[in-house]
Amino acid sequence: MIERLLPTAVACHAVTEDVAHAGLFPDEAAFIAGAVESRRREFATARFCAREALARLGVPPEPIRRGAKHEPLWPEGMIGSITHCAGYRAAAVGRRAEFLAIGIDAEPHGPMPAGVERRVLRAEEREWLTRAPRGTHWDRVIFSAKESVYKAWYPLTGRWLGFEEAVVTLDPPAGTFEARLFAHPAHGHLTKFGGRFLVEGGLVLTAIAAPRV
Protein backbone atom coordinates (compact mmCIF):
# COMPACT_ATOMS: atom_id res chain seq x y z
CA MET A 1 0.00 0.00 0.00
CA ILE A 2 2.85 2.39 0.74
CA GLU A 3 3.65 2.61 -2.98
CA ARG A 4 0.32 4.40 -3.51
CA LEU A 5 1.68 7.34 -1.52
CA LEU A 6 4.98 7.77 -3.37
CA PRO A 7 6.18 8.77 -6.84
CA THR A 8 6.85 5.96 -9.30
CA ALA A 9 10.59 6.76 -9.17
CA VAL A 10 10.60 5.51 -5.57
CA ALA A 11 10.89 1.73 -5.38
CA CYS A 12 8.89 0.04 -2.61
CA HIS A 13 8.43 -3.40 -1.15
CA ALA A 14 6.07 -4.38 1.67
CA VAL A 15 4.83 -7.55 3.37
CA THR A 16 2.11 -8.21 5.91
CA GLU A 17 3.94 -10.93 7.85
CA ASP A 18 7.53 -11.86 8.56
CA VAL A 19 9.41 -13.65 5.79
CA ALA A 20 10.73 -17.01 6.98
CA HIS A 21 13.63 -17.09 4.52
CA ALA A 22 14.79 -13.51 5.13
CA GLY A 23 18.52 -13.68 5.79
CA LEU A 24 20.99 -11.18 7.17
CA PHE A 25 24.59 -10.34 6.38
CA PRO A 26 26.94 -10.91 9.34
CA ASP A 27 27.28 -7.18 9.96
CA GLU A 28 23.49 -6.86 10.19
CA ALA A 29 23.05 -9.93 12.39
CA ALA A 30 25.48 -8.42 14.89
CA PHE A 31 23.10 -5.49 15.45
CA ILE A 32 20.44 -7.76 16.94
CA ALA A 33 22.52 -10.61 18.35
CA GLY A 34 20.93 -10.25 21.78
CA ALA A 35 17.37 -9.55 20.63
CA VAL A 36 14.38 -11.82 21.16
CA GLU A 37 13.28 -14.01 18.25
CA SER A 38 10.31 -11.82 17.28
CA ARG A 39 12.59 -8.77 17.01
CA ARG A 40 15.12 -10.70 14.91
CA ARG A 41 12.36 -11.77 12.50
CA GLU A 42 11.05 -8.22 12.29
CA PHE A 43 14.51 -6.80 11.62
CA ALA A 44 15.38 -9.45 9.02
CA THR A 45 12.07 -8.96 7.21
CA ALA A 46 12.53 -5.18 7.11
CA ARG A 47 16.01 -5.67 5.63
CA PHE A 48 14.52 -8.13 3.14
CA CYS A 49 12.02 -5.46 2.06
CA ALA A 50 14.84 -2.95 1.69
CA ARG A 51 16.91 -5.25 -0.52
CA GLU A 52 13.87 -6.10 -2.66
CA ALA A 53 13.19 -2.40 -3.16
CA LEU A 54 16.85 -1.70 -3.98
CA ALA A 55 16.88 -4.56 -6.49
CA ARG A 56 14.13 -2.79 -8.42
CA LEU A 57 16.59 0.06 -8.91
CA GLY A 58 19.34 -2.28 -10.01
CA VAL A 59 21.26 -2.38 -6.72
CA PRO A 60 22.73 -5.82 -5.86
CA PRO A 61 22.34 -7.20 -2.32
CA GLU A 62 24.70 -5.79 0.30
CA PRO A 63 24.59 -5.11 4.05
CA ILE A 64 22.38 -2.25 5.17
CA ARG A 65 24.17 -1.05 8.26
CA ARG A 66 22.90 1.26 11.01
CA GLY A 67 23.88 4.78 11.97
CA ALA A 68 24.13 6.45 15.37
CA LYS A 69 20.35 6.63 15.82
CA HIS A 70 19.74 3.18 14.29
CA GLU A 71 18.85 4.77 10.96
CA PRO A 72 19.58 2.59 7.90
CA LEU A 73 22.74 3.47 6.01
CA TRP A 74 21.94 3.04 2.34
CA PRO A 75 24.24 2.01 -0.51
CA GLU A 76 26.16 4.73 -2.31
CA GLY A 77 23.87 6.98 -4.31
CA MET A 78 20.67 5.74 -2.65
CA ILE A 79 18.29 7.15 -0.07
CA GLY A 80 15.35 5.53 1.66
CA SER A 81 13.29 4.66 4.70
CA ILE A 82 12.09 1.55 6.54
CA THR A 83 9.03 1.04 8.72
CA HIS A 84 7.45 -1.82 10.62
CA CYS A 85 4.46 -2.31 12.88
CA ALA A 86 2.23 -5.26 13.71
CA GLY A 87 1.07 -6.71 10.39
CA TYR A 88 3.18 -4.54 8.10
CA ARG A 89 6.84 -4.18 7.10
CA ALA A 90 7.94 -1.89 4.28
CA ALA A 91 10.85 -0.10 2.68
CA ALA A 92 11.00 2.71 0.13
CA VAL A 93 14.15 3.76 -1.72
CA GLY A 94 15.15 6.23 -4.39
CA ARG A 95 18.23 7.72 -6.00
CA ARG A 96 19.95 10.61 -4.21
CA ALA A 97 20.27 12.37 -7.54
CA GLU A 98 16.47 12.58 -7.67
CA PHE A 99 15.35 12.84 -4.03
CA LEU A 100 16.52 14.99 -1.16
CA ALA A 101 14.67 13.00 1.49
CA ILE A 102 12.36 9.99 1.89
CA GLY A 103 10.44 9.06 5.03
CA ILE A 104 7.73 6.44 5.57
CA ASP A 105 5.83 5.21 8.60
CA ALA A 106 3.17 2.60 9.42
CA GLU A 107 1.04 2.53 12.56
CA PRO A 108 -1.98 0.56 13.75
CA HIS A 109 -5.17 2.53 13.20
CA GLY A 110 -6.26 3.00 16.76
CA PRO A 111 -6.39 5.67 19.45
CA MET A 112 -3.15 6.98 20.89
CA PRO A 113 -2.24 5.56 24.32
CA ALA A 114 -3.44 7.63 27.27
CA GLY A 115 -1.20 10.60 27.95
CA VAL A 116 0.80 10.33 24.73
CA GLU A 117 -1.24 12.90 22.83
CA ARG A 118 -0.02 15.74 25.06
CA ARG A 119 3.59 14.83 24.38
CA VAL A 120 3.14 14.40 20.62
CA LEU A 121 0.64 17.04 19.50
CA ARG A 122 0.94 20.80 19.56
CA ALA A 123 -1.94 22.97 20.75
CA GLU A 124 -3.03 23.86 17.21
CA GLU A 125 -3.12 20.19 16.25
CA ARG A 126 -5.22 19.30 19.30
CA GLU A 127 -7.60 22.15 18.44
CA TRP A 128 -8.00 20.79 14.88
CA LEU A 129 -8.92 17.39 16.30
CA THR A 130 -11.97 18.90 17.98
CA ARG A 131 -13.49 19.66 14.57
CA ALA A 132 -11.94 16.88 12.47
CA PRO A 133 -14.16 14.48 10.48
CA ARG A 134 -15.36 11.50 12.48
CA GLY A 135 -14.43 7.89 11.87
CA THR A 136 -10.62 8.20 11.78
CA HIS A 137 -8.10 8.35 14.60
CA TRP A 138 -6.57 11.57 13.34
CA ASP A 139 -4.23 11.84 16.32
CA ARG A 140 -2.59 8.63 15.11
CA VAL A 141 -2.33 10.02 11.57
CA ILE A 142 -0.58 13.15 12.86
CA PHE A 143 1.76 11.02 14.97
CA SER A 144 2.62 8.87 11.94
CA ALA A 145 3.20 11.96 9.80
CA LYS A 146 5.66 13.27 12.39
CA GLU A 147 7.47 9.93 12.36
CA SER A 148 7.82 10.21 8.58
CA VAL A 149 9.03 13.78 8.99
CA TYR A 150 11.75 12.70 11.42
CA LYS A 151 12.90 9.89 9.12
CA ALA A 152 13.19 12.39 6.28
CA TRP A 153 14.81 15.06 8.47
CA TYR A 154 17.49 13.17 10.38
CA PRO A 155 19.60 11.95 7.42
CA LEU A 156 19.76 15.55 6.17
CA THR A 157 20.85 17.09 9.44
CA GLY A 158 22.08 14.44 11.86
CA ARG A 159 19.99 16.26 14.47
CA TRP A 160 17.08 15.26 16.66
CA LEU A 161 13.69 16.75 15.81
CA GLY A 162 11.20 16.85 18.67
CA PHE A 163 7.48 16.32 18.17
CA GLU A 164 6.93 19.94 19.23
CA GLU A 165 9.27 21.17 16.47
CA ALA A 166 6.83 20.30 13.69
CA VAL A 167 3.19 21.15 13.21
CA VAL A 168 1.20 18.91 10.87
CA THR A 169 -1.79 20.14 8.88
CA LEU A 170 -3.93 17.39 7.36
CA ASP A 171 -6.13 17.65 4.27
CA PRO A 172 -8.43 14.63 4.72
CA PRO A 173 -10.25 14.81 1.35
CA ALA A 174 -6.95 14.98 -0.53
CA GLY A 175 -5.11 12.49 1.68
CA THR A 176 -2.19 14.89 2.04
CA PHE A 177 -0.39 16.69 4.84
CA GLU A 178 2.07 19.51 5.32
CA ALA A 179 4.56 19.67 8.15
CA ARG A 180 6.02 23.05 9.06
CA LEU A 181 9.30 22.85 10.95
CA PHE A 182 10.41 25.10 13.79
CA ALA A 183 13.97 23.78 14.01
CA HIS A 184 16.99 25.21 12.19
CA PRO A 185 16.29 24.69 8.47
CA ALA A 186 17.46 21.43 7.00
CA HIS A 187 19.71 21.50 3.94
CA GLY A 188 20.14 25.25 4.33
CA HIS A 189 16.58 26.23 3.44
CA LEU A 190 14.10 23.41 4.00
CA THR A 191 11.41 24.55 6.46
CA LYS A 192 8.57 22.19 5.57
CA PHE A 193 7.74 18.79 4.15
CA GLY A 194 4.71 17.74 2.14
CA GLY A 195 3.45 14.18 2.28
CA ARG A 196 0.53 11.83 1.77
CA PHE A 197 -1.37 9.50 4.08
CA LEU A 198 -3.65 6.47 3.80
CA VAL A 199 -5.92 4.84 6.37
CA GLU A 200 -6.87 1.35 5.22
CA GLY A 201 -6.92 -2.24 6.41
CA GLY A 202 -6.44 -1.32 10.05
CA LEU A 203 -3.29 0.67 9.28
CA VAL A 204 -2.20 4.29 9.06
CA LEU A 205 0.48 4.88 6.43
CA THR A 206 2.32 8.14 5.81
CA ALA A 207 5.05 8.99 3.31
CA ILE A 208 7.31 11.85 2.26
CA ALA A 209 9.42 12.02 -0.89
CA ALA A 210 11.08 15.42 -1.23
CA PRO A 211 12.50 15.87 -4.75
CA ARG A 212 15.75 17.65 -5.45
CA VAL A 213 15.13 21.01 -7.06
C-alpha atoms as a PDB file:
ATOM      1  CA  MET A   1       0.000   0.000   0.000  1.00  0.00           C
ATOM      2  CA  ILE A   2       2.848   2.388   0.739  1.00  0.00           C
ATOM      3  CA  GLU A   3       3.653   2.607  -2.984  1.00  0.00           C
ATOM      4  CA  ARG A   4       0.324   4.395  -3.512  1.00  0.00           C
ATOM      5  CA  LEU A   5       1.683   7.340  -1.521  1.00  0.00           C
ATOM      6  CA  LEU A   6       4.976   7.768  -3.366  1.00  0.00           C
ATOM      7  CA  PRO A   7       6.185   8.768  -6.839  1.00  0.00           C
ATOM      8  CA  THR A   8       6.854   5.962  -9.299  1.00  0.00           C
ATOM      9  CA  ALA A   9      10.589   6.764  -9.172  1.00  0.00           C
ATOM     10  CA  VAL A  10      10.596   5.514  -5.568  1.00  0.00           C
ATOM     11  CA  ALA A  11      10.885   1.728  -5.383  1.00  0.00           C
ATOM     12  CA  CYS A  12       8.893   0.042  -2.611  1.00  0.00           C
ATOM     13  CA  HIS A  13       8.430  -3.402  -1.151  1.00  0.00           C
ATOM     14  CA  ALA A  14       6.067  -4.384   1.666  1.00  0.00           C
ATOM     15  CA  VAL A  15       4.834  -7.547   3.367  1.00  0.00           C
ATOM     16  CA  THR A  16       2.110  -8.212   5.907  1.00  0.00           C
ATOM     17  CA  GLU A  17       3.940 -10.926   7.848  1.00  0.00           C
ATOM     18  CA  ASP A  18       7.527 -11.865   8.563  1.00  0.00           C
ATOM     19  CA  VAL A  19       9.410 -13.648   5.790  1.00  0.00           C
ATOM     20  CA  ALA A  20      10.726 -17.012   6.977  1.00  0.00           C
ATOM     21  CA  HIS A  21      13.628 -17.092   4.516  1.00  0.00           C
ATOM     22  CA  ALA A  22      14.786 -13.511   5.125  1.00  0.00           C
ATOM     23  CA  GLY A  23      18.521 -13.679   5.786  1.00  0.00           C
ATOM     24  CA  LEU A  24      20.993 -11.182   7.168  1.00  0.00           C
ATOM     25  CA  PHE A  25      24.586 -10.336   6.383  1.00  0.00           C
ATOM     26  CA  PRO A  26      26.940 -10.913   9.342  1.00  0.00           C
ATOM     27  CA  ASP A  27      27.277  -7.175   9.955  1.00  0.00           C
ATOM     28  CA  GLU A  28      23.495  -6.863  10.193  1.00  0.00           C
ATOM     29  CA  ALA A  29      23.049  -9.934  12.386  1.00  0.00           C
ATOM     30  CA  ALA A  30      25.482  -8.421  14.894  1.00  0.00           C
ATOM     31  CA  PHE A  31      23.095  -5.487  15.446  1.00  0.00           C
ATOM     32  CA  ILE A  32      20.437  -7.764  16.944  1.00  0.00           C
ATOM     33  CA  ALA A  33      22.516 -10.611  18.346  1.00  0.00           C
ATOM     34  CA  GLY A  34      20.928 -10.253  21.784  1.00  0.00           C
ATOM     35  CA  ALA A  35      17.368  -9.548  20.627  1.00  0.00           C
ATOM     36  CA  VAL A  36      14.379 -11.824  21.159  1.00  0.00           C
ATOM     37  CA  GLU A  37      13.279 -14.013  18.249  1.00  0.00           C
ATOM     38  CA  SER A  38      10.312 -11.821  17.278  1.00  0.00           C
ATOM     39  CA  ARG A  39      12.587  -8.766  17.013  1.00  0.00           C
ATOM     40  CA  ARG A  40      15.118 -10.698  14.911  1.00  0.00           C
ATOM     41  CA  ARG A  41      12.357 -11.770  12.496  1.00  0.00           C
ATOM     42  CA  GLU A  42      11.048  -8.219  12.287  1.00  0.00           C
ATOM     43  CA  PHE A  43      14.514  -6.804  11.619  1.00  0.00           C
ATOM     44  CA  ALA A  44      15.379  -9.449   9.019  1.00  0.00           C
ATOM     45  CA  THR A  45      12.075  -8.957   7.206  1.00  0.00           C
ATOM     46  CA  ALA A  46      12.526  -5.185   7.110  1.00  0.00           C
ATOM     47  CA  ARG A  47      16.012  -5.666   5.632  1.00  0.00           C
ATOM     48  CA  PHE A  48      14.517  -8.135   3.136  1.00  0.00           C
ATOM     49  CA  CYS A  49      12.019  -5.457   2.055  1.00  0.00           C
ATOM     50  CA  ALA A  50      14.843  -2.947   1.690  1.00  0.00           C
ATOM     51  CA  ARG A  51      16.908  -5.254  -0.518  1.00  0.00           C
ATOM     52  CA  GLU A  52      13.873  -6.104  -2.656  1.00  0.00           C
ATOM     53  CA  ALA A  53      13.195  -2.396  -3.164  1.00  0.00           C
ATOM     54  CA  LEU A  54      16.847  -1.701  -3.978  1.00  0.00           C
ATOM     55  CA  ALA A  55      16.875  -4.557  -6.486  1.00  0.00           C
ATOM     56  CA  ARG A  56      14.132  -2.795  -8.424  1.00  0.00           C
ATOM     57  CA  LEU A  57      16.589   0.062  -8.912  1.00  0.00           C
ATOM     58  CA  GLY A  58      19.342  -2.285 -10.013  1.00  0.00           C
ATOM     59  CA  VAL A  59      21.265  -2.379  -6.724  1.00  0.00           C
ATOM     60  CA  PRO A  60      22.734  -5.815  -5.855  1.00  0.00           C
ATOM     61  CA  PRO A  61      22.344  -7.200  -2.315  1.00  0.00           C
ATOM     62  CA  GLU A  62      24.697  -5.794   0.304  1.00  0.00           C
ATOM     63  CA  PRO A  63      24.593  -5.109   4.051  1.00  0.00           C
ATOM     64  CA  ILE A  64      22.376  -2.253   5.167  1.00  0.00           C
ATOM     65  CA  ARG A  65      24.167  -1.050   8.261  1.00  0.00           C
ATOM     66  CA  ARG A  66      22.896   1.259  11.008  1.00  0.00           C
ATOM     67  CA  GLY A  67      23.876   4.781  11.970  1.00  0.00           C
ATOM     68  CA  ALA A  68      24.132   6.453  15.370  1.00  0.00           C
ATOM     69  CA  LYS A  69      20.352   6.634  15.820  1.00  0.00           C
ATOM     70  CA  HIS A  70      19.736   3.185  14.291  1.00  0.00           C
ATOM     71  CA  GLU A  71      18.847   4.769  10.957  1.00  0.00           C
ATOM     72  CA  PRO A  72      19.576   2.592   7.904  1.00  0.00           C
ATOM     73  CA  LEU A  73      22.743   3.467   6.006  1.00  0.00           C
ATOM     74  CA  TRP A  74      21.938   3.040   2.343  1.00  0.00           C
ATOM     75  CA  PRO A  75      24.245   2.011  -0.509  1.00  0.00           C
ATOM     76  CA  GLU A  76      26.162   4.726  -2.311  1.00  0.00           C
ATOM     77  CA  GLY A  77      23.873   6.983  -4.309  1.00  0.00           C
ATOM     78  CA  MET A  78      20.674   5.740  -2.651  1.00  0.00           C
ATOM     79  CA  ILE A  79      18.290   7.147  -0.069  1.00  0.00           C
ATOM     80  CA  GLY A  80      15.348   5.534   1.657  1.00  0.00           C
ATOM     81  CA  SER A  81      13.293   4.660   4.701  1.00  0.00           C
ATOM     82  CA  ILE A  82      12.093   1.550   6.538  1.00  0.00           C
ATOM     83  CA  THR A  83       9.026   1.037   8.721  1.00  0.00           C
ATOM     84  CA  HIS A  84       7.451  -1.819  10.623  1.00  0.00           C
ATOM     85  CA  CYS A  85       4.465  -2.312  12.878  1.00  0.00           C
ATOM     86  CA  ALA A  86       2.225  -5.257  13.705  1.00  0.00           C
ATOM     87  CA  GLY A  87       1.070  -6.712  10.391  1.00  0.00           C
ATOM     88  CA  TYR A  88       3.175  -4.536   8.104  1.00  0.00           C
ATOM     89  CA  ARG A  89       6.835  -4.179   7.101  1.00  0.00           C
ATOM     90  CA  ALA A  90       7.936  -1.893   4.278  1.00  0.00           C
ATOM     91  CA  ALA A  91      10.854  -0.098   2.676  1.00  0.00           C
ATOM     92  CA  ALA A  92      11.000   2.709   0.131  1.00  0.00           C
ATOM     93  CA  VAL A  93      14.154   3.762  -1.716  1.00  0.00           C
ATOM     94  CA  GLY A  94      15.155   6.234  -4.393  1.00  0.00           C
ATOM     95  CA  ARG A  95      18.231   7.724  -6.002  1.00  0.00           C
ATOM     96  CA  ARG A  96      19.951  10.608  -4.213  1.00  0.00           C
ATOM     97  CA  ALA A  97      20.269  12.371  -7.536  1.00  0.00           C
ATOM     98  CA  GLU A  98      16.466  12.575  -7.672  1.00  0.00           C
ATOM     99  CA  PHE A  99      15.353  12.837  -4.028  1.00  0.00           C
ATOM    100  CA  LEU A 100      16.516  14.994  -1.160  1.00  0.00           C
ATOM    101  CA  ALA A 101      14.673  12.996   1.493  1.00  0.00           C
ATOM    102  CA  ILE A 102      12.357   9.989   1.891  1.00  0.00           C
ATOM    103  CA  GLY A 103      10.443   9.058   5.029  1.00  0.00           C
ATOM    104  CA  ILE A 104       7.732   6.442   5.571  1.00  0.00           C
ATOM    105  CA  ASP A 105       5.835   5.208   8.599  1.00  0.00           C
ATOM    106  CA  ALA A 106       3.171   2.604   9.418  1.00  0.00           C
ATOM    107  CA  GLU A 107       1.044   2.528  12.556  1.00  0.00           C
ATOM    108  CA  PRO A 108      -1.977   0.557  13.748  1.00  0.00           C
ATOM    109  CA  HIS A 109      -5.171   2.528  13.196  1.00  0.00           C
ATOM    110  CA  GLY A 110      -6.257   3.002  16.762  1.00  0.00           C
ATOM    111  CA  PRO A 111      -6.388   5.673  19.450  1.00  0.00           C
ATOM    112  CA  MET A 112      -3.153   6.983  20.891  1.00  0.00           C
ATOM    113  CA  PRO A 113      -2.241   5.560  24.322  1.00  0.00           C
ATOM    114  CA  ALA A 114      -3.442   7.627  27.267  1.00  0.00           C
ATOM    115  CA  GLY A 115      -1.204  10.599  27.946  1.00  0.00           C
ATOM    116  CA  VAL A 116       0.805  10.329  24.727  1.00  0.00           C
ATOM    117  CA  GLU A 117      -1.243  12.904  22.830  1.00  0.00           C
ATOM    118  CA  ARG A 118      -0.017  15.744  25.064  1.00  0.00           C
ATOM    119  CA  ARG A 119       3.595  14.830  24.376  1.00  0.00           C
ATOM    120  CA  VAL A 120       3.140  14.403  20.618  1.00  0.00           C
ATOM    121  CA  LEU A 121       0.636  17.043  19.504  1.00  0.00           C
ATOM    122  CA  ARG A 122       0.944  20.803  19.556  1.00  0.00           C
ATOM    123  CA  ALA A 123      -1.943  22.968  20.749  1.00  0.00           C
ATOM    124  CA  GLU A 124      -3.032  23.864  17.210  1.00  0.00           C
ATOM    125  CA  GLU A 125      -3.116  20.185  16.254  1.00  0.00           C
ATOM    126  CA  ARG A 126      -5.220  19.301  19.297  1.00  0.00           C
ATOM    127  CA  GLU A 127      -7.597  22.148  18.435  1.00  0.00           C
ATOM    128  CA  TRP A 128      -7.999  20.787  14.878  1.00  0.00           C
ATOM    129  CA  LEU A 129      -8.917  17.386  16.298  1.00  0.00           C
ATOM    130  CA  THR A 130     -11.971  18.899  17.984  1.00  0.00           C
ATOM    131  CA  ARG A 131     -13.485  19.663  14.571  1.00  0.00           C
ATOM    132  CA  ALA A 132     -11.940  16.881  12.466  1.00  0.00           C
ATOM    133  CA  PRO A 133     -14.158  14.477  10.478  1.00  0.00           C
ATOM    134  CA  ARG A 134     -15.357  11.498  12.478  1.00  0.00           C
ATOM    135  CA  GLY A 135     -14.426   7.893  11.873  1.00  0.00           C
ATOM    136  CA  THR A 136     -10.616   8.198  11.778  1.00  0.00           C
ATOM    137  CA  HIS A 137      -8.096   8.351  14.600  1.00  0.00           C
ATOM    138  CA  TRP A 138      -6.572  11.570  13.339  1.00  0.00           C
ATOM    139  CA  ASP A 139      -4.232  11.838  16.315  1.00  0.00           C
ATOM    140  CA  ARG A 140      -2.593   8.631  15.108  1.00  0.00           C
ATOM    141  CA  VAL A 141      -2.332  10.024  11.570  1.00  0.00           C
ATOM    142  CA  ILE A 142      -0.585  13.154  12.862  1.00  0.00           C
ATOM    143  CA  PHE A 143       1.755  11.021  14.966  1.00  0.00           C
ATOM    144  CA  SER A 144       2.618   8.875  11.938  1.00  0.00           C
ATOM    145  CA  ALA A 145       3.197  11.959   9.797  1.00  0.00           C
ATOM    146  CA  LYS A 146       5.661  13.265  12.385  1.00  0.00           C
ATOM    147  CA  GLU A 147       7.474   9.932  12.364  1.00  0.00           C
ATOM    148  CA  SER A 148       7.824  10.208   8.577  1.00  0.00           C
ATOM    149  CA  VAL A 149       9.033  13.785   8.989  1.00  0.00           C
ATOM    150  CA  TYR A 150      11.747  12.697  11.420  1.00  0.00           C
ATOM    151  CA  LYS A 151      12.897   9.889   9.121  1.00  0.00           C
ATOM    152  CA  ALA A 152      13.193  12.386   6.275  1.00  0.00           C
ATOM    153  CA  TRP A 153      14.815  15.063   8.468  1.00  0.00           C
ATOM    154  CA  TYR A 154      17.488  13.169  10.380  1.00  0.00           C
ATOM    155  CA  PRO A 155      19.600  11.953   7.422  1.00  0.00           C
ATOM    156  CA  LEU A 156      19.759  15.546   6.167  1.00  0.00           C
ATOM    157  CA  THR A 157      20.846  17.089   9.443  1.00  0.00           C
ATOM    158  CA  GLY A 158      22.080  14.442  11.863  1.00  0.00           C
ATOM    159  CA  ARG A 159      19.991  16.265  14.466  1.00  0.00           C
ATOM    160  CA  TRP A 160      17.079  15.260  16.664  1.00  0.00           C
ATOM    161  CA  LEU A 161      13.686  16.746  15.814  1.00  0.00           C
ATOM    162  CA  GLY A 162      11.203  16.846  18.670  1.00  0.00           C
ATOM    163  CA  PHE A 163       7.482  16.320  18.168  1.00  0.00           C
ATOM    164  CA  GLU A 164       6.933  19.940  19.234  1.00  0.00           C
ATOM    165  CA  GLU A 165       9.275  21.173  16.473  1.00  0.00           C
ATOM    166  CA  ALA A 166       6.834  20.297  13.689  1.00  0.00           C
ATOM    167  CA  VAL A 167       3.187  21.151  13.213  1.00  0.00           C
ATOM    168  CA  VAL A 168       1.204  18.908  10.873  1.00  0.00           C
ATOM    169  CA  THR A 169      -1.785  20.140   8.879  1.00  0.00           C
ATOM    170  CA  LEU A 170      -3.930  17.393   7.364  1.00  0.00           C
ATOM    171  CA  ASP A 171      -6.131  17.655   4.270  1.00  0.00           C
ATOM    172  CA  PRO A 172      -8.435  14.629   4.721  1.00  0.00           C
ATOM    173  CA  PRO A 173     -10.251  14.811   1.346  1.00  0.00           C
ATOM    174  CA  ALA A 174      -6.951  14.975  -0.533  1.00  0.00           C
ATOM    175  CA  GLY A 175      -5.107  12.487   1.675  1.00  0.00           C
ATOM    176  CA  THR A 176      -2.193  14.887   2.040  1.00  0.00           C
ATOM    177  CA  PHE A 177      -0.391  16.690   4.839  1.00  0.00           C
ATOM    178  CA  GLU A 178       2.065  19.511   5.320  1.00  0.00           C
ATOM    179  CA  ALA A 179       4.564  19.667   8.152  1.00  0.00           C
ATOM    180  CA  ARG A 180       6.018  23.049   9.055  1.00  0.00           C
ATOM    181  CA  LEU A 181       9.305  22.847  10.950  1.00  0.00           C
ATOM    182  CA  PHE A 182      10.407  25.099  13.793  1.00  0.00           C
ATOM    183  CA  ALA A 183      13.972  23.781  14.008  1.00  0.00           C
ATOM    184  CA  HIS A 184      16.986  25.207  12.192  1.00  0.00           C
ATOM    185  CA  PRO A 185      16.294  24.695   8.473  1.00  0.00           C
ATOM    186  CA  ALA A 186      17.456  21.431   6.996  1.00  0.00           C
ATOM    187  CA  HIS A 187      19.711  21.504   3.936  1.00  0.00           C
ATOM    188  CA  GLY A 188      20.137  25.247   4.326  1.00  0.00           C
ATOM    189  CA  HIS A 189      16.579  26.229   3.440  1.00  0.00           C
ATOM    190  CA  LEU A 190      14.096  23.408   4.002  1.00  0.00           C
ATOM    191  CA  THR A 191      11.414  24.553   6.461  1.00  0.00           C
ATOM    192  CA  LYS A 192       8.569  22.190   5.574  1.00  0.00           C
ATOM    193  CA  PHE A 193       7.738  18.787   4.146  1.00  0.00           C
ATOM    194  CA  GLY A 194       4.715  17.740   2.140  1.00  0.00           C
ATOM    195  CA  GLY A 195       3.445  14.185   2.277  1.00  0.00           C
ATOM    196  CA  ARG A 196       0.535  11.827   1.770  1.00  0.00           C
ATOM    197  CA  PHE A 197      -1.373   9.498   4.076  1.00  0.00           C
ATOM    198  CA  LEU A 198      -3.649   6.475   3.804  1.00  0.00           C
ATOM    199  CA  VAL A 199      -5.915   4.835   6.374  1.00  0.00           C
ATOM    200  CA  GLU A 200      -6.866   1.353   5.217  1.00  0.00           C
ATOM    201  CA  GLY A 201      -6.923  -2.245   6.409  1.00  0.00           C
ATOM    202  CA  GLY A 202      -6.440  -1.319  10.053  1.00  0.00           C
ATOM    203  CA  LEU A 203      -3.295   0.671   9.282  1.00  0.00           C
ATOM    204  CA  VAL A 204      -2.204   4.289   9.055  1.00  0.00           C
ATOM    205  CA  LEU A 205       0.479   4.879   6.431  1.00  0.00           C
ATOM    206  CA  THR A 206       2.322   8.142   5.806  1.00  0.00           C
ATOM    207  CA  ALA A 207       5.047   8.988   3.310  1.00  0.00           C
ATOM    208  CA  ILE A 208       7.306  11.846   2.260  1.00  0.00           C
ATOM    209  CA  ALA A 209       9.421  12.018  -0.893  1.00  0.00           C
ATOM    210  CA  ALA A 210      11.075  15.422  -1.226  1.00  0.00           C
ATOM    211  CA  PRO A 211      12.503  15.871  -4.752  1.00  0.00           C
ATOM    212  CA  ARG A 212      15.755  17.655  -5.448  1.00  0.00           C
ATOM    213  CA  VAL A 213      15.128  21.012  -7.060  1.00  0.00           C
END
